[in-house]
N, C-alpha and C. Protein backbone atom coordinates (compact mmCIF):
# COMPACT_ATOMS: atom_id res chain seq x y z
N MET A 1 0.84 -1.18 0.00
CA MET A 1 0.00 0.00 0.00
C MET A 1 0.88 1.24 0.00
N SER A 2 0.50 2.23 -0.76
CA SER A 2 1.25 3.48 -0.90
C SER A 2 1.37 4.20 0.44
N LEU A 3 2.45 4.96 0.60
CA LEU A 3 2.61 5.79 1.80
C LEU A 3 1.61 6.94 1.83
N LEU A 4 1.06 7.28 0.69
CA LEU A 4 0.04 8.33 0.60
C LEU A 4 -1.33 7.70 0.44
N GLN A 5 -2.34 8.39 0.92
CA GLN A 5 -3.72 7.93 0.78
C GLN A 5 -4.18 8.21 -0.65
N VAL A 6 -4.42 7.16 -1.42
CA VAL A 6 -4.86 7.32 -2.81
C VAL A 6 -6.34 7.00 -2.92
N ALA A 7 -6.96 7.60 -3.90
CA ALA A 7 -8.39 7.39 -4.12
C ALA A 7 -8.65 5.99 -4.66
N THR A 8 -9.68 5.38 -4.16
CA THR A 8 -10.13 4.10 -4.71
C THR A 8 -11.21 4.40 -5.75
N MET A 9 -11.58 3.39 -6.49
CA MET A 9 -12.63 3.52 -7.49
C MET A 9 -13.92 4.02 -6.83
N GLN A 10 -14.21 3.51 -5.64
CA GLN A 10 -15.44 3.87 -4.94
C GLN A 10 -15.40 5.30 -4.41
N GLU A 11 -14.23 5.80 -4.06
CA GLU A 11 -14.10 7.14 -3.48
C GLU A 11 -13.95 8.23 -4.54
N ALA A 12 -13.53 7.86 -5.73
CA ALA A 12 -13.24 8.85 -6.78
C ALA A 12 -14.50 9.64 -7.14
N GLN A 13 -14.27 10.91 -7.48
CA GLN A 13 -15.38 11.79 -7.86
C GLN A 13 -14.98 12.63 -9.06
N GLY A 14 -15.98 13.17 -9.73
CA GLY A 14 -15.76 14.11 -10.82
C GLY A 14 -14.91 13.54 -11.94
N GLU A 15 -13.96 14.36 -12.39
CA GLU A 15 -13.10 13.98 -13.51
C GLU A 15 -12.26 12.74 -13.18
N VAL A 16 -11.83 12.63 -11.93
CA VAL A 16 -11.06 11.45 -11.51
C VAL A 16 -11.91 10.19 -11.70
N LYS A 17 -13.16 10.24 -11.29
CA LYS A 17 -14.06 9.09 -11.44
C LYS A 17 -14.25 8.75 -12.92
N GLU A 18 -14.40 9.77 -13.77
CA GLU A 18 -14.56 9.54 -15.20
C GLU A 18 -13.33 8.83 -15.79
N ILE A 19 -12.16 9.30 -15.39
CA ILE A 19 -10.92 8.67 -15.88
C ILE A 19 -10.80 7.26 -15.34
N PHE A 20 -11.08 7.07 -14.07
CA PHE A 20 -11.03 5.73 -13.48
C PHE A 20 -11.98 4.78 -14.22
N ASN A 21 -13.15 5.26 -14.59
CA ASN A 21 -14.09 4.43 -15.35
C ASN A 21 -13.51 4.02 -16.70
N GLU A 22 -12.84 4.97 -17.37
CA GLU A 22 -12.19 4.66 -18.64
C GLU A 22 -11.08 3.62 -18.46
N VAL A 23 -10.29 3.81 -17.40
CA VAL A 23 -9.19 2.89 -17.11
C VAL A 23 -9.74 1.49 -16.83
N GLU A 24 -10.77 1.42 -16.02
CA GLU A 24 -11.37 0.13 -15.68
C GLU A 24 -11.94 -0.55 -16.93
N LYS A 25 -12.54 0.23 -17.79
CA LYS A 25 -13.08 -0.33 -19.03
C LYS A 25 -11.95 -0.87 -19.92
N ALA A 26 -10.82 -0.15 -19.96
CA ALA A 26 -9.70 -0.55 -20.82
C ALA A 26 -8.90 -1.72 -20.24
N PHE A 27 -8.70 -1.73 -18.92
CA PHE A 27 -7.80 -2.70 -18.31
C PHE A 27 -8.45 -3.63 -17.29
N GLY A 28 -9.70 -3.38 -16.95
CA GLY A 28 -10.38 -4.24 -15.98
C GLY A 28 -10.23 -3.80 -14.54
N ALA A 29 -9.30 -2.88 -14.27
CA ALA A 29 -9.07 -2.40 -12.91
C ALA A 29 -8.22 -1.13 -12.97
N VAL A 30 -8.22 -0.39 -11.88
CA VAL A 30 -7.36 0.78 -11.73
C VAL A 30 -6.24 0.37 -10.78
N THR A 31 -5.02 0.42 -11.26
CA THR A 31 -3.87 0.02 -10.44
C THR A 31 -3.57 1.08 -9.39
N GLU A 32 -2.85 0.65 -8.35
CA GLU A 32 -2.42 1.61 -7.33
C GLU A 32 -1.52 2.67 -7.93
N GLY A 33 -0.72 2.26 -8.92
CA GLY A 33 0.17 3.22 -9.58
C GLY A 33 -0.61 4.34 -10.24
N LEU A 34 -1.66 4.01 -10.95
CA LEU A 34 -2.46 5.06 -11.59
C LEU A 34 -3.28 5.83 -10.56
N SER A 35 -3.69 5.16 -9.49
CA SER A 35 -4.44 5.84 -8.44
C SER A 35 -3.62 6.95 -7.79
N LEU A 36 -2.30 6.74 -7.70
CA LEU A 36 -1.44 7.77 -7.11
C LEU A 36 -1.58 9.09 -7.87
N TRP A 37 -1.70 9.00 -9.19
CA TRP A 37 -1.81 10.21 -10.00
C TRP A 37 -3.07 11.02 -9.67
N ALA A 38 -4.09 10.37 -9.13
CA ALA A 38 -5.35 11.06 -8.82
C ALA A 38 -5.19 12.11 -7.73
N LEU A 39 -4.07 12.07 -7.01
CA LEU A 39 -3.82 13.13 -6.02
C LEU A 39 -3.69 14.49 -6.69
N ASN A 40 -3.39 14.48 -7.98
CA ASN A 40 -3.36 15.70 -8.78
C ASN A 40 -4.15 15.39 -10.05
N PRO A 41 -5.44 15.73 -10.08
CA PRO A 41 -6.28 15.34 -11.22
C PRO A 41 -5.74 15.76 -12.58
N GLU A 42 -5.07 16.89 -12.67
CA GLU A 42 -4.49 17.31 -13.95
C GLU A 42 -3.36 16.38 -14.35
N ALA A 43 -2.57 15.95 -13.38
CA ALA A 43 -1.49 14.99 -13.66
C ALA A 43 -2.08 13.64 -14.08
N LEU A 44 -3.16 13.23 -13.42
CA LEU A 44 -3.84 11.98 -13.80
C LEU A 44 -4.34 12.07 -15.23
N LYS A 45 -4.95 13.18 -15.57
CA LYS A 45 -5.47 13.38 -16.92
C LYS A 45 -4.33 13.29 -17.95
N PHE A 46 -3.22 13.95 -17.65
CA PHE A 46 -2.05 13.91 -18.54
C PHE A 46 -1.55 12.48 -18.69
N GLN A 47 -1.40 11.78 -17.57
CA GLN A 47 -0.87 10.42 -17.60
C GLN A 47 -1.80 9.49 -18.38
N TRP A 48 -3.10 9.59 -18.14
CA TRP A 48 -4.05 8.72 -18.82
C TRP A 48 -4.08 9.03 -20.32
N ASN A 49 -4.06 10.30 -20.68
CA ASN A 49 -4.03 10.65 -22.11
C ASN A 49 -2.78 10.13 -22.79
N SER A 50 -1.67 10.14 -22.08
CA SER A 50 -0.42 9.61 -22.62
C SER A 50 -0.53 8.09 -22.84
N ILE A 51 -1.11 7.41 -21.89
CA ILE A 51 -1.31 5.96 -22.02
C ILE A 51 -2.21 5.67 -23.23
N LYS A 52 -3.30 6.42 -23.34
CA LYS A 52 -4.22 6.20 -24.47
C LYS A 52 -3.53 6.48 -25.80
N GLU A 53 -2.70 7.51 -25.84
CA GLU A 53 -1.98 7.84 -27.08
C GLU A 53 -1.06 6.68 -27.48
N GLN A 54 -0.39 6.09 -26.50
CA GLN A 54 0.49 4.96 -26.80
C GLN A 54 -0.31 3.74 -27.25
N MET A 55 -1.47 3.54 -26.67
CA MET A 55 -2.31 2.39 -27.03
C MET A 55 -2.89 2.53 -28.44
N ASP A 56 -2.94 3.74 -28.97
CA ASP A 56 -3.48 3.97 -30.31
C ASP A 56 -2.50 3.62 -31.42
N ASN A 57 -1.28 3.26 -31.06
CA ASN A 57 -0.26 2.91 -32.04
C ASN A 57 -0.38 1.46 -32.48
N ASP A 58 0.34 1.12 -33.56
CA ASP A 58 0.41 -0.27 -33.98
C ASP A 58 1.15 -1.08 -32.92
N THR A 59 1.04 -2.40 -32.99
CA THR A 59 1.58 -3.28 -31.96
C THR A 59 3.09 -3.11 -31.78
N ASP A 60 3.84 -2.98 -32.86
CA ASP A 60 5.29 -2.84 -32.75
C ASP A 60 5.65 -1.54 -32.02
N THR A 61 4.93 -0.47 -32.28
CA THR A 61 5.21 0.80 -31.61
C THR A 61 4.79 0.74 -30.14
N GLN A 62 3.67 0.08 -29.84
CA GLN A 62 3.29 -0.12 -28.44
C GLN A 62 4.38 -0.89 -27.70
N LYS A 63 4.90 -1.92 -28.34
CA LYS A 63 5.98 -2.71 -27.74
C LYS A 63 7.21 -1.83 -27.50
N MET A 64 7.54 -0.96 -28.46
CA MET A 64 8.69 -0.08 -28.30
C MET A 64 8.52 0.83 -27.08
N TYR A 65 7.33 1.41 -26.92
CA TYR A 65 7.09 2.28 -25.76
C TYR A 65 7.15 1.48 -24.46
N THR A 66 6.67 0.26 -24.47
CA THR A 66 6.75 -0.59 -23.29
C THR A 66 8.21 -0.91 -22.97
N LEU A 67 9.01 -1.13 -24.00
CA LEU A 67 10.44 -1.37 -23.80
C LEU A 67 11.14 -0.14 -23.23
N ILE A 68 10.78 1.04 -23.69
CA ILE A 68 11.34 2.27 -23.12
C ILE A 68 11.07 2.29 -21.62
N ARG A 69 9.81 2.05 -21.26
CA ARG A 69 9.44 2.10 -19.84
C ARG A 69 10.17 1.01 -19.05
N TYR A 70 10.26 -0.18 -19.63
CA TYR A 70 10.90 -1.30 -18.94
C TYR A 70 12.39 -1.05 -18.73
N ILE A 71 13.10 -0.69 -19.79
CA ILE A 71 14.55 -0.54 -19.70
C ILE A 71 14.93 0.60 -18.75
N ILE A 72 14.22 1.71 -18.81
CA ILE A 72 14.50 2.82 -17.90
C ILE A 72 14.21 2.41 -16.46
N SER A 73 13.12 1.69 -16.25
CA SER A 73 12.77 1.24 -14.90
C SER A 73 13.79 0.23 -14.37
N GLU A 74 14.30 -0.63 -15.25
CA GLU A 74 15.36 -1.57 -14.85
C GLU A 74 16.58 -0.80 -14.36
N LYS A 75 16.96 0.21 -15.12
CA LYS A 75 18.14 1.00 -14.74
C LYS A 75 17.92 1.68 -13.39
N ASN A 76 16.70 2.12 -13.14
CA ASN A 76 16.38 2.82 -11.89
C ASN A 76 15.92 1.88 -10.78
N ARG A 77 15.81 0.60 -11.09
CA ARG A 77 15.39 -0.43 -10.13
C ARG A 77 14.03 -0.14 -9.51
N CYS A 78 13.09 0.34 -10.31
CA CYS A 78 11.72 0.57 -9.85
C CYS A 78 10.95 -0.74 -10.02
N MET A 79 10.80 -1.47 -8.95
CA MET A 79 10.25 -2.82 -9.01
C MET A 79 8.82 -2.84 -9.54
N TYR A 80 8.01 -1.87 -9.17
CA TYR A 80 6.63 -1.80 -9.66
C TYR A 80 6.63 -1.73 -11.19
N CYS A 81 7.41 -0.80 -11.74
CA CYS A 81 7.42 -0.57 -13.19
C CYS A 81 8.10 -1.71 -13.94
N ILE A 82 9.10 -2.32 -13.33
CA ILE A 82 9.75 -3.48 -13.94
C ILE A 82 8.72 -4.60 -14.06
N GLY A 83 8.00 -4.86 -12.99
CA GLY A 83 7.01 -5.93 -13.00
C GLY A 83 5.88 -5.67 -13.98
N LEU A 84 5.35 -4.46 -13.97
CA LEU A 84 4.23 -4.12 -14.86
C LEU A 84 4.64 -4.20 -16.33
N ASN A 85 5.71 -3.52 -16.68
CA ASN A 85 6.13 -3.48 -18.08
C ASN A 85 6.76 -4.79 -18.52
N GLY A 86 7.48 -5.45 -17.64
CA GLY A 86 8.02 -6.77 -17.97
C GLY A 86 6.90 -7.77 -18.22
N GLY A 87 5.86 -7.71 -17.39
CA GLY A 87 4.70 -8.58 -17.60
C GLY A 87 4.02 -8.30 -18.92
N MET A 88 3.91 -7.03 -19.28
CA MET A 88 3.31 -6.68 -20.56
C MET A 88 4.16 -7.22 -21.71
N LEU A 89 5.47 -7.08 -21.61
CA LEU A 89 6.35 -7.56 -22.68
C LEU A 89 6.25 -9.07 -22.86
N ILE A 90 6.10 -9.79 -21.77
CA ILE A 90 5.96 -11.24 -21.84
C ILE A 90 4.57 -11.63 -22.32
N ASN A 91 3.54 -11.09 -21.67
CA ASN A 91 2.17 -11.54 -21.92
C ASN A 91 1.53 -10.95 -23.17
N MET A 92 1.88 -9.74 -23.52
CA MET A 92 1.25 -9.09 -24.67
C MET A 92 2.10 -9.15 -25.93
N TYR A 93 3.43 -9.17 -25.74
CA TYR A 93 4.32 -9.07 -26.90
C TYR A 93 5.22 -10.28 -27.09
N GLY A 94 5.01 -11.32 -26.29
CA GLY A 94 5.67 -12.60 -26.51
C GLY A 94 7.16 -12.67 -26.21
N MET A 95 7.68 -11.73 -25.46
CA MET A 95 9.11 -11.82 -25.12
C MET A 95 9.30 -12.84 -24.01
N SER A 96 10.46 -13.47 -23.99
CA SER A 96 10.79 -14.43 -22.94
C SER A 96 11.52 -13.70 -21.80
N GLU A 97 11.60 -14.35 -20.66
CA GLU A 97 12.34 -13.77 -19.54
C GLU A 97 13.82 -13.61 -19.90
N GLU A 98 14.34 -14.53 -20.67
CA GLU A 98 15.75 -14.44 -21.10
C GLU A 98 15.96 -13.20 -21.98
N GLU A 99 15.00 -12.94 -22.87
CA GLU A 99 15.10 -11.75 -23.72
C GLU A 99 15.02 -10.48 -22.89
N LEU A 100 14.16 -10.47 -21.87
CA LEU A 100 14.07 -9.29 -21.00
C LEU A 100 15.39 -9.01 -20.29
N LYS A 101 16.07 -10.06 -19.86
CA LYS A 101 17.35 -9.89 -19.17
C LYS A 101 18.41 -9.30 -20.09
N GLU A 102 18.30 -9.58 -21.38
CA GLU A 102 19.34 -9.18 -22.34
C GLU A 102 19.02 -7.88 -23.08
N VAL A 103 17.76 -7.48 -23.14
CA VAL A 103 17.35 -6.41 -24.06
C VAL A 103 18.03 -5.06 -23.79
N ALA A 104 18.33 -4.72 -22.56
CA ALA A 104 18.97 -3.43 -22.28
C ALA A 104 20.36 -3.35 -22.89
N ASN A 105 21.03 -4.50 -23.01
CA ASN A 105 22.38 -4.53 -23.58
C ASN A 105 22.40 -4.85 -25.06
N ASN A 106 21.28 -5.34 -25.58
CA ASN A 106 21.21 -5.72 -26.98
C ASN A 106 19.78 -5.48 -27.48
N LEU A 107 19.53 -4.30 -28.01
CA LEU A 107 18.18 -3.91 -28.40
C LEU A 107 17.61 -4.79 -29.51
N SER A 108 18.47 -5.44 -30.28
CA SER A 108 17.96 -6.29 -31.36
C SER A 108 17.18 -7.49 -30.83
N VAL A 109 17.41 -7.86 -29.57
CA VAL A 109 16.68 -8.96 -28.94
C VAL A 109 15.17 -8.66 -28.94
N ALA A 110 14.81 -7.38 -28.93
CA ALA A 110 13.40 -6.99 -28.88
C ALA A 110 12.64 -7.33 -30.15
N LYS A 111 13.36 -7.53 -31.24
CA LYS A 111 12.74 -7.89 -32.53
C LYS A 111 11.72 -6.84 -32.98
N LEU A 112 12.13 -5.58 -32.91
CA LEU A 112 11.31 -4.48 -33.40
C LEU A 112 11.62 -4.24 -34.87
N THR A 113 10.77 -3.46 -35.52
CA THR A 113 11.10 -3.03 -36.87
C THR A 113 12.38 -2.19 -36.78
N PRO A 114 13.15 -2.10 -37.86
CA PRO A 114 14.37 -1.28 -37.82
C PRO A 114 14.09 0.16 -37.38
N LYS A 115 12.99 0.73 -37.84
CA LYS A 115 12.63 2.10 -37.45
C LYS A 115 12.43 2.18 -35.93
N ASN A 116 11.62 1.29 -35.37
CA ASN A 116 11.34 1.37 -33.94
C ASN A 116 12.55 1.01 -33.09
N GLU A 117 13.45 0.18 -33.60
CA GLU A 117 14.69 -0.08 -32.88
C GLU A 117 15.52 1.20 -32.79
N LYS A 118 15.55 1.97 -33.88
CA LYS A 118 16.28 3.25 -33.86
C LYS A 118 15.62 4.25 -32.92
N LEU A 119 14.29 4.26 -32.90
CA LEU A 119 13.57 5.16 -31.99
C LEU A 119 13.82 4.78 -30.54
N LEU A 120 13.80 3.49 -30.25
CA LEU A 120 14.09 3.01 -28.91
C LEU A 120 15.50 3.45 -28.49
N ALA A 121 16.47 3.25 -29.35
CA ALA A 121 17.85 3.63 -29.05
C ALA A 121 17.96 5.13 -28.80
N PHE A 122 17.27 5.93 -29.63
CA PHE A 122 17.29 7.38 -29.45
C PHE A 122 16.67 7.77 -28.12
N ALA A 123 15.52 7.19 -27.79
CA ALA A 123 14.84 7.52 -26.52
C ALA A 123 15.74 7.20 -25.33
N LEU A 124 16.38 6.06 -25.35
CA LEU A 124 17.27 5.69 -24.25
C LEU A 124 18.48 6.60 -24.18
N ARG A 125 19.01 6.96 -25.33
CA ARG A 125 20.14 7.89 -25.36
C ARG A 125 19.75 9.25 -24.81
N SER A 126 18.51 9.67 -25.08
CA SER A 126 18.05 10.97 -24.58
C SER A 126 18.03 11.00 -23.05
N ILE A 127 17.86 9.86 -22.43
CA ILE A 127 17.86 9.77 -20.97
C ILE A 127 19.28 9.61 -20.43
N ASN A 128 20.06 8.77 -21.08
CA ASN A 128 21.40 8.44 -20.58
C ASN A 128 22.46 9.46 -20.96
N GLU A 129 22.31 10.09 -22.13
CA GLU A 129 23.32 11.04 -22.63
C GLU A 129 22.63 12.20 -23.34
N PRO A 130 21.80 12.96 -22.66
CA PRO A 130 21.02 13.98 -23.36
C PRO A 130 21.88 15.03 -24.07
N GLN A 131 23.05 15.34 -23.54
CA GLN A 131 23.91 16.35 -24.17
C GLN A 131 24.51 15.85 -25.48
N SER A 132 24.44 14.56 -25.72
CA SER A 132 25.02 14.02 -26.95
C SER A 132 24.09 14.18 -28.15
N ILE A 133 22.84 14.53 -27.93
CA ILE A 133 21.88 14.66 -29.02
C ILE A 133 22.19 15.94 -29.80
N LYS A 134 22.34 15.80 -31.10
CA LYS A 134 22.68 16.92 -31.97
C LYS A 134 21.65 17.05 -33.09
N GLN A 135 21.76 18.11 -33.85
CA GLN A 135 20.84 18.36 -34.96
C GLN A 135 20.82 17.21 -35.95
N GLN A 136 21.96 16.60 -36.19
CA GLN A 136 22.03 15.47 -37.11
C GLN A 136 21.14 14.32 -36.64
N ASP A 137 21.08 14.10 -35.32
CA ASP A 137 20.22 13.04 -34.78
C ASP A 137 18.75 13.32 -35.07
N ILE A 138 18.38 14.58 -34.95
CA ILE A 138 17.00 14.98 -35.23
C ILE A 138 16.71 14.81 -36.73
N LYS A 139 17.66 15.19 -37.56
CA LYS A 139 17.48 15.01 -39.01
C LYS A 139 17.28 13.55 -39.36
N GLU A 140 18.03 12.67 -38.71
CA GLU A 140 17.88 11.23 -38.96
C GLU A 140 16.48 10.76 -38.59
N LEU A 141 15.95 11.28 -37.49
CA LEU A 141 14.58 10.90 -37.11
C LEU A 141 13.57 11.44 -38.11
N HIS A 142 13.83 12.63 -38.64
CA HIS A 142 12.96 13.18 -39.69
C HIS A 142 12.96 12.27 -40.91
N THR A 143 14.14 11.74 -41.27
CA THR A 143 14.20 10.86 -42.45
C THR A 143 13.46 9.54 -42.21
N LEU A 144 13.25 9.19 -40.94
CA LEU A 144 12.46 8.00 -40.61
C LEU A 144 10.95 8.28 -40.66
N GLY A 145 10.61 9.56 -40.87
CA GLY A 145 9.20 9.92 -40.99
C GLY A 145 8.61 10.60 -39.77
N LEU A 146 9.42 10.89 -38.76
CA LEU A 146 8.89 11.55 -37.57
C LEU A 146 8.89 13.06 -37.76
N ASN A 147 7.89 13.71 -37.20
CA ASN A 147 7.89 15.17 -37.15
C ASN A 147 8.36 15.60 -35.76
N ASP A 148 8.53 16.89 -35.58
CA ASP A 148 9.06 17.39 -34.31
C ASP A 148 8.16 17.04 -33.13
N LYS A 149 6.86 17.07 -33.31
CA LYS A 149 5.94 16.72 -32.23
C LYS A 149 6.14 15.27 -31.81
N GLU A 150 6.32 14.37 -32.77
CA GLU A 150 6.54 12.95 -32.45
C GLU A 150 7.88 12.72 -31.77
N ILE A 151 8.90 13.46 -32.18
CA ILE A 151 10.22 13.36 -31.54
C ILE A 151 10.13 13.85 -30.10
N PHE A 152 9.45 14.97 -29.90
CA PHE A 152 9.26 15.50 -28.56
C PHE A 152 8.54 14.48 -27.68
N TYR A 153 7.47 13.87 -28.22
CA TYR A 153 6.70 12.90 -27.45
C TYR A 153 7.54 11.68 -27.08
N LEU A 154 8.39 11.25 -27.97
CA LEU A 154 9.27 10.11 -27.71
C LEU A 154 10.16 10.40 -26.50
N VAL A 155 10.78 11.57 -26.48
CA VAL A 155 11.67 11.94 -25.38
C VAL A 155 10.84 12.22 -24.11
N LEU A 156 9.67 12.82 -24.27
CA LEU A 156 8.80 13.06 -23.12
C LEU A 156 8.43 11.74 -22.45
N THR A 157 8.08 10.74 -23.25
CA THR A 157 7.72 9.44 -22.69
C THR A 157 8.89 8.84 -21.92
N ALA A 158 10.07 8.91 -22.49
CA ALA A 158 11.25 8.37 -21.81
C ALA A 158 11.54 9.13 -20.52
N SER A 159 11.49 10.44 -20.58
CA SER A 159 11.80 11.22 -19.39
C SER A 159 10.71 11.11 -18.32
N MET A 160 9.48 10.90 -18.73
CA MET A 160 8.40 10.70 -17.76
C MET A 160 8.62 9.44 -16.93
N MET A 161 9.32 8.46 -17.49
CA MET A 161 9.59 7.25 -16.71
C MET A 161 10.49 7.55 -15.52
N LEU A 162 11.35 8.54 -15.65
CA LEU A 162 12.16 8.94 -14.50
C LEU A 162 11.25 9.50 -13.40
N VAL A 163 10.26 10.28 -13.80
CA VAL A 163 9.29 10.84 -12.86
C VAL A 163 8.48 9.71 -12.22
N VAL A 164 7.95 8.82 -13.05
CA VAL A 164 7.14 7.72 -12.55
C VAL A 164 7.95 6.85 -11.58
N ASN A 165 9.16 6.48 -11.97
CA ASN A 165 10.01 5.67 -11.10
C ASN A 165 10.23 6.36 -9.76
N THR A 166 10.51 7.66 -9.79
CA THR A 166 10.75 8.42 -8.56
C THR A 166 9.51 8.45 -7.69
N LEU A 167 8.35 8.76 -8.28
CA LEU A 167 7.11 8.81 -7.51
C LEU A 167 6.78 7.45 -6.90
N PHE A 168 6.84 6.41 -7.69
CA PHE A 168 6.44 5.09 -7.20
C PHE A 168 7.39 4.58 -6.13
N ASP A 169 8.68 4.82 -6.28
CA ASP A 169 9.63 4.38 -5.26
C ASP A 169 9.54 5.24 -4.00
N THR A 170 9.39 6.54 -4.17
CA THR A 170 9.29 7.44 -3.00
C THR A 170 8.08 7.09 -2.15
N PHE A 171 6.95 6.83 -2.79
CA PHE A 171 5.70 6.59 -2.06
C PHE A 171 5.36 5.11 -1.92
N ASP A 172 6.33 4.25 -2.22
CA ASP A 172 6.22 2.81 -1.99
C ASP A 172 4.97 2.21 -2.61
N VAL A 173 4.75 2.52 -3.89
CA VAL A 173 3.60 1.99 -4.61
C VAL A 173 3.84 0.51 -4.88
N GLU A 174 2.84 -0.30 -4.58
CA GLU A 174 2.96 -1.76 -4.78
C GLU A 174 2.19 -2.19 -6.01
């Protein structure tokens, strides 16, 4: 149980209740992790909209975003996020536990399209070596078909995992 008092489905009201209903319809339940966001309804709205945006992608791109979340969480040792995203990679995208152990060191293990493998590598580099990103890197992403909004969202998603890992570990989300 979280160190903070989070809203349950039964206690939620207003916009939080509406979002919780959408989450329950999509996933069957509202996790404690997502409930934590309800302490700031605007943050919950942002987080839920981000999740929905990722779910609107093709399967390979959804897998890439899940890998971003998983690999960053592994590096930060956020057990909640490792378990959630690792479970998704195994159950939804067919990765093995052996592949999960290796993927951070060898992105080709993920078996993504060449484009999404490059996007995954870029997203991870933006977290690990942000000062190394140069105009040429952005041009390369443009040649892959991304616009500036999509590039921004890719890095936003990766950097948000640092926030999520920090929040979940600080408040002991289970």
